[in-house]
C-alpha cells in the first residue's frame, strides 16, 4: 500500500483528500502546518507528498526545498490557490514534480498522483536499498544497517540520522547550526551542547577503533566527513 503525506492547513480540503485516497486504497497522513509537515516528511517513509503552498509556520516552497535536500527522489505535488505562472515556476524550481491549482477535481489529483508514483517506481526500483559509502563505512538506507570494515555498528535513531547527514554531505564542512536544524529540526541554540555530545557518541562508534578517521572538526566552522 502506497503511503502519502498531505500537508494542508485547510482541514476540510485535507480531510476530503484523505478520504478520497483511502477509498483508492492509499494510506495517508495529514500535517496542518509547514514545520510539522517537514518534520514528518523527513522522519517517516512516504511514497509521495501533497504539499500546499500557503502554510502557517513554514511556506510550502521552503518545505519542498528542505525535503529535496534529504529525499531527492520523493515525489512532491504542490497544491495551491495561486495560478500565476511565476508561482508555478517557483514551485517547480523548489523541487516539486507537479503542480495543481485549487479548486481541483479529485479525479485529476488522483491521476497526477498515480502518474508521479509510476515515474518514481520506474526511476527508483531499488531506492529502498540505497547505499551510502565512504572509505570502508557503508550505510544501507533501506535496512537501516551500518557497517565499517564489514562489522555491523549499532546506532540509535538520532546517531543514524546524524551519520546519514554527514554521508550525504561528505567532503563539505557542516556547521553546528546545520546539524541542529536538519538532524534535530530545531532552531540553533548556541548555549546547547547536544551536537557535540552526539558527535562524540558517533566518533566512538565509527572512528575510535579504526586507523582512518572520518569525522573531523574544523575549528570555528563545524565538522567535515572525509578520509584523512
Protein backbone atom coordinates (compact mmCIF):
# COMPACT_ATOMS: atom_id res chain seq x y z
CA UNK A 1 0.00 0.00 0.00
CA UNK A 2 1.46 3.36 -1.03
CA UNK A 3 1.71 5.97 1.71
CA UNK A 4 1.04 9.66 1.05
CA UNK A 5 1.65 12.69 3.25
CA UNK A 6 -0.89 15.52 2.94
CA UNK A 7 0.44 18.89 4.13
CA UNK A 8 -2.56 21.22 4.01
CA UNK A 9 -3.81 23.78 6.56
CA UNK A 10 -7.41 23.82 5.27
CA UNK A 11 -8.86 20.99 7.33
CA UNK A 12 -11.85 20.49 5.04
CA UNK A 13 -9.65 20.09 1.97
CA UNK A 14 -7.17 17.88 3.84
CA UNK A 15 -9.92 15.58 5.12
CA UNK A 16 -11.56 15.36 1.67
CA UNK A 17 -8.24 14.35 0.12
CA UNK A 18 -7.61 11.89 2.94
CA UNK A 19 -11.00 10.19 2.43
CA UNK A 20 -10.58 10.12 -1.34
CA UNK A 21 -7.15 8.49 -1.09
CA UNK A 22 -8.39 5.96 1.47
CA UNK A 23 -11.18 4.99 -0.95
CA UNK A 24 -8.47 4.32 -3.56
CA UNK A 25 -6.51 2.08 -1.14
CA UNK A 26 -3.81 4.58 -0.25
CA UNK A 27 -2.55 5.06 3.28
CA UNK A 28 -2.42 8.76 4.18
CA UNK A 29 -1.30 11.05 6.97
CA UNK A 30 -2.09 14.75 7.45
CA UNK A 31 0.01 17.66 8.71
CA UNK A 32 -1.68 21.04 9.10
CA UNK A 33 1.37 23.34 9.10
CA UNK A 34 4.68 23.58 7.28
CA UNK A 35 7.03 22.86 10.17
CA UNK A 36 5.18 19.70 11.20
CA UNK A 37 4.90 18.64 7.57
CA UNK A 38 8.65 18.97 7.07
CA UNK A 39 9.45 17.02 10.24
CA UNK A 40 7.07 14.17 9.39
CA UNK A 41 8.28 14.00 5.78
CA UNK A 42 11.90 13.69 6.89
CA UNK A 43 11.33 11.31 9.79
CA UNK A 44 8.92 8.83 8.19
CA UNK A 45 8.79 6.91 4.93
CA UNK A 46 6.32 8.16 2.32
CA UNK A 47 5.86 7.38 -1.36
CA UNK A 48 4.58 10.87 -2.24
CA UNK A 49 3.85 14.26 -0.64
CA UNK A 50 0.89 16.52 -1.45
CA UNK A 51 2.10 19.94 -0.34
CA UNK A 52 0.13 23.17 -0.04
CA UNK A 53 1.99 26.41 -0.74
CA UNK A 54 0.41 28.87 1.69
CA UNK A 55 1.08 27.12 5.01
CA UNK A 56 1.43 28.51 8.54
CA UNK A 57 4.81 28.13 10.20
CA UNK A 58 6.78 27.45 7.04
CA UNK A 59 5.81 28.10 3.43
CA UNK A 60 5.36 25.17 1.09
CA UNK A 61 8.19 26.29 -1.22
CA UNK A 62 10.61 26.15 1.74
CA UNK A 63 9.27 22.79 2.91
CA UNK A 64 9.76 21.43 -0.59
CA UNK A 65 13.37 22.60 -0.70
CA UNK A 66 14.12 21.00 2.68
CA UNK A 67 12.61 17.68 1.63
CA UNK A 68 14.62 17.74 -1.58
CA UNK A 69 17.91 18.03 0.32
CA UNK A 70 17.38 14.74 2.17
CA UNK A 71 14.93 12.85 -0.03
CA UNK A 72 15.74 13.88 -3.60
CA UNK A 73 13.67 11.12 -5.20
CA UNK A 74 10.48 11.55 -3.12
CA UNK A 75 7.67 12.75 -5.45
CA UNK A 76 6.09 16.08 -4.44
CA UNK A 77 2.92 17.56 -5.89
CA UNK A 78 2.19 21.14 -4.84
CA UNK A 79 -1.38 22.27 -4.15
CA UNK A 80 -2.19 25.97 -4.26
CA UNK A 81 -4.84 28.58 -4.89
CA UNK A 82 -2.24 30.59 -6.78
CA UNK A 83 -2.45 30.18 -10.53
CA UNK A 84 0.15 32.65 -11.76
CA UNK A 85 2.96 31.37 -13.95
CA UNK A 86 5.51 32.82 -11.51
CA UNK A 87 4.08 30.73 -8.68
CA UNK A 88 4.17 27.57 -10.77
CA UNK A 89 7.76 28.26 -11.80
CA UNK A 90 8.79 28.89 -8.17
CA UNK A 91 7.13 25.66 -7.08
CA UNK A 92 8.86 23.62 -9.76
CA UNK A 93 12.19 25.33 -9.09
CA UNK A 94 11.79 24.46 -5.41
CA UNK A 95 11.83 20.80 -6.40
CA UNK A 96 8.16 19.93 -6.96
CA UNK A 97 7.40 17.26 -9.56
CA UNK A 98 3.95 18.60 -10.37
CA UNK A 99 1.62 21.47 -9.56
CA UNK A 100 -2.16 21.55 -9.31
CA UNK A 101 -4.28 24.66 -8.75
CA UNK A 102 -7.26 24.78 -6.38
CA UNK A 103 -10.11 24.18 -6.74
CA UNK A 104 -9.45 20.86 -8.45
CA UNK A 105 -11.44 17.74 -9.22
CA UNK A 106 -10.24 14.82 -7.09
CA UNK A 107 -10.13 12.66 -10.22
CA UNK A 108 -7.47 14.95 -11.68
CA UNK A 109 -5.49 14.89 -8.43
CA UNK A 110 -5.68 11.10 -8.35
CA UNK A 111 -4.46 10.88 -11.95
CA UNK A 112 -1.49 13.11 -11.15
CA UNK A 113 -0.68 11.09 -8.01
CA UNK A 114 -0.72 7.82 -9.95
CA UNK A 115 1.40 9.31 -12.74
CA UNK A 116 4.01 10.59 -10.26
CA UNK A 117 4.14 7.22 -8.50
CA UNK A 118 4.62 5.36 -11.80
CA UNK A 119 7.56 7.59 -12.70
CA UNK A 120 9.04 7.17 -9.22
CA UNK A 121 8.77 3.38 -9.39
CA UNK A 122 10.48 3.35 -12.80
CA UNK A 123 13.31 5.67 -11.77
CA UNK A 124 13.92 4.22 -8.31
CA UNK A 125 13.25 0.48 -8.36
CA UNK A 126 15.90 -0.13 -5.71
CA UNK A 127 15.58 3.11 -3.73
CA UNK A 128 14.75 1.17 -0.57
CA UNK A 129 18.22 -0.40 -0.68
CA UNK A 130 20.24 2.74 -1.44
CA UNK A 131 23.78 2.51 -0.07
CA UNK A 132 25.84 5.49 1.14
CA UNK A 133 29.61 4.90 1.40
CA UNK A 134 32.88 6.50 2.36
CA UNK A 135 36.12 4.54 2.79
CA UNK A 136 35.15 1.21 4.44
CA UNK A 137 31.98 2.65 6.01
CA UNK A 138 28.61 1.92 4.41
CA UNK A 139 25.02 2.75 5.31
CA UNK A 140 22.02 0.91 3.89
CA UNK A 141 19.07 3.32 3.94
CA UNK A 142 16.59 0.51 3.35
CA UNK A 143 17.65 -1.90 6.09
CA UNK A 144 18.97 0.91 8.35
CA UNK A 145 22.17 -1.09 8.78
CA UNK A 146 25.61 0.49 9.17
CA UNK A 147 28.89 -1.37 8.68
CA UNK A 148 32.53 -0.44 8.88
CA UNK A 149 35.21 -2.84 7.74
CA UNK A 150 32.45 -5.42 7.36
CA UNK A 151 31.45 -5.15 11.01
CA UNK A 152 27.92 -4.08 11.96
CA UNK A 153 27.73 -0.88 14.03
CA UNK A 154 24.70 -0.41 16.27
CA UNK A 155 23.40 3.18 16.21
CA UNK A 156 20.48 4.91 17.85
CA UNK A 157 17.91 6.59 15.58
CA UNK A 158 19.46 10.02 16.16
CA UNK A 159 23.02 8.74 15.63
CA UNK A 160 21.85 7.14 12.38
CA UNK A 161 20.27 10.42 11.24
CA UNK A 162 23.44 12.33 12.12
CA UNK A 163 25.66 9.89 10.23
CA UNK A 164 23.29 9.96 7.25
CA UNK A 165 23.55 13.76 7.12
CA UNK A 166 27.35 13.55 7.18
CA UNK A 167 27.37 10.95 4.40
CA UNK A 168 25.00 12.98 2.24
CA UNK A 169 27.31 15.99 2.69
CA UNK A 170 30.66 14.18 2.75
CA UNK A 171 33.57 16.36 1.76
CA UNK A 172 31.75 19.52 2.87
CA UNK A 173 32.01 21.45 6.13
CA UNK A 174 28.69 21.48 8.01
CA UNK A 175 28.10 23.82 10.93
CA UNK A 176 26.52 23.06 14.29
CA UNK A 177 23.61 25.21 13.14
CA UNK A 178 23.14 22.97 10.07
CA UNK A 179 23.15 19.85 12.21
CA UNK A 180 20.75 21.26 14.83
CA UNK A 181 18.27 22.31 12.17
CA UNK A 182 18.42 19.32 9.86
CA UNK A 183 19.02 16.44 12.27
CA UNK A 184 17.13 17.69 15.32
CA UNK A 185 14.78 20.04 13.40
CA UNK A 186 15.46 22.77 15.97
CA UNK A 187 16.39 26.42 15.78
CA UNK A 188 20.03 26.53 16.83
CA UNK A 189 20.65 27.46 20.46
CA UNK A 190 24.32 28.47 20.85
CA UNK A 191 24.12 27.51 24.52
CA UNK A 192 23.34 23.85 23.90
CA UNK A 193 25.99 21.16 23.54
CA UNK A 194 23.70 18.46 22.10
CA UNK A 195 25.55 18.48 18.77
CA UNK A 196 28.96 18.00 20.38
CA UNK A 197 27.59 15.23 22.61
CA UNK A 198 26.22 13.23 19.68
CA UNK A 199 29.33 13.86 17.58
CA UNK A 200 31.32 12.23 20.39
CA UNK A 201 28.88 9.30 20.55
CA UNK A 202 29.22 8.79 16.81
CA UNK A 203 33.01 9.07 16.79
CA UNK A 204 33.30 6.37 19.46
CA UNK A 205 31.29 4.01 17.27
CA UNK A 206 32.51 4.71 13.74
CA UNK A 207 36.04 6.14 14.24
CA UNK A 208 37.61 5.13 17.56
CA UNK A 209 38.68 1.58 16.64
CA UNK A 210 39.72 2.34 13.07
CA UNK A 211 43.02 3.81 11.83
CA UNK A 212 41.39 6.07 9.23
CA UNK A 213 39.30 8.76 10.91
CA UNK A 214 36.26 10.06 9.03
CA UNK A 215 34.67 12.75 11.23
CA UNK A 216 36.87 15.83 11.61
CA UNK A 217 36.45 19.13 13.46
CA UNK A 218 37.07 22.41 11.66
CA UNK A 219 37.57 24.95 14.49
CA UNK A 220 35.20 27.89 14.21
CA UNK A 221 33.39 26.35 11.24
CA UNK A 222 31.94 22.94 12.13
CA UNK A 223 32.62 19.38 11.03
CA UNK A 224 33.50 17.52 7.86
CA UNK A 225 33.33 13.84 6.91
CA UNK A 226 36.18 12.71 4.70
CA UNK A 227 39.08 10.27 4.59
CA UNK A 228 42.09 11.81 6.28
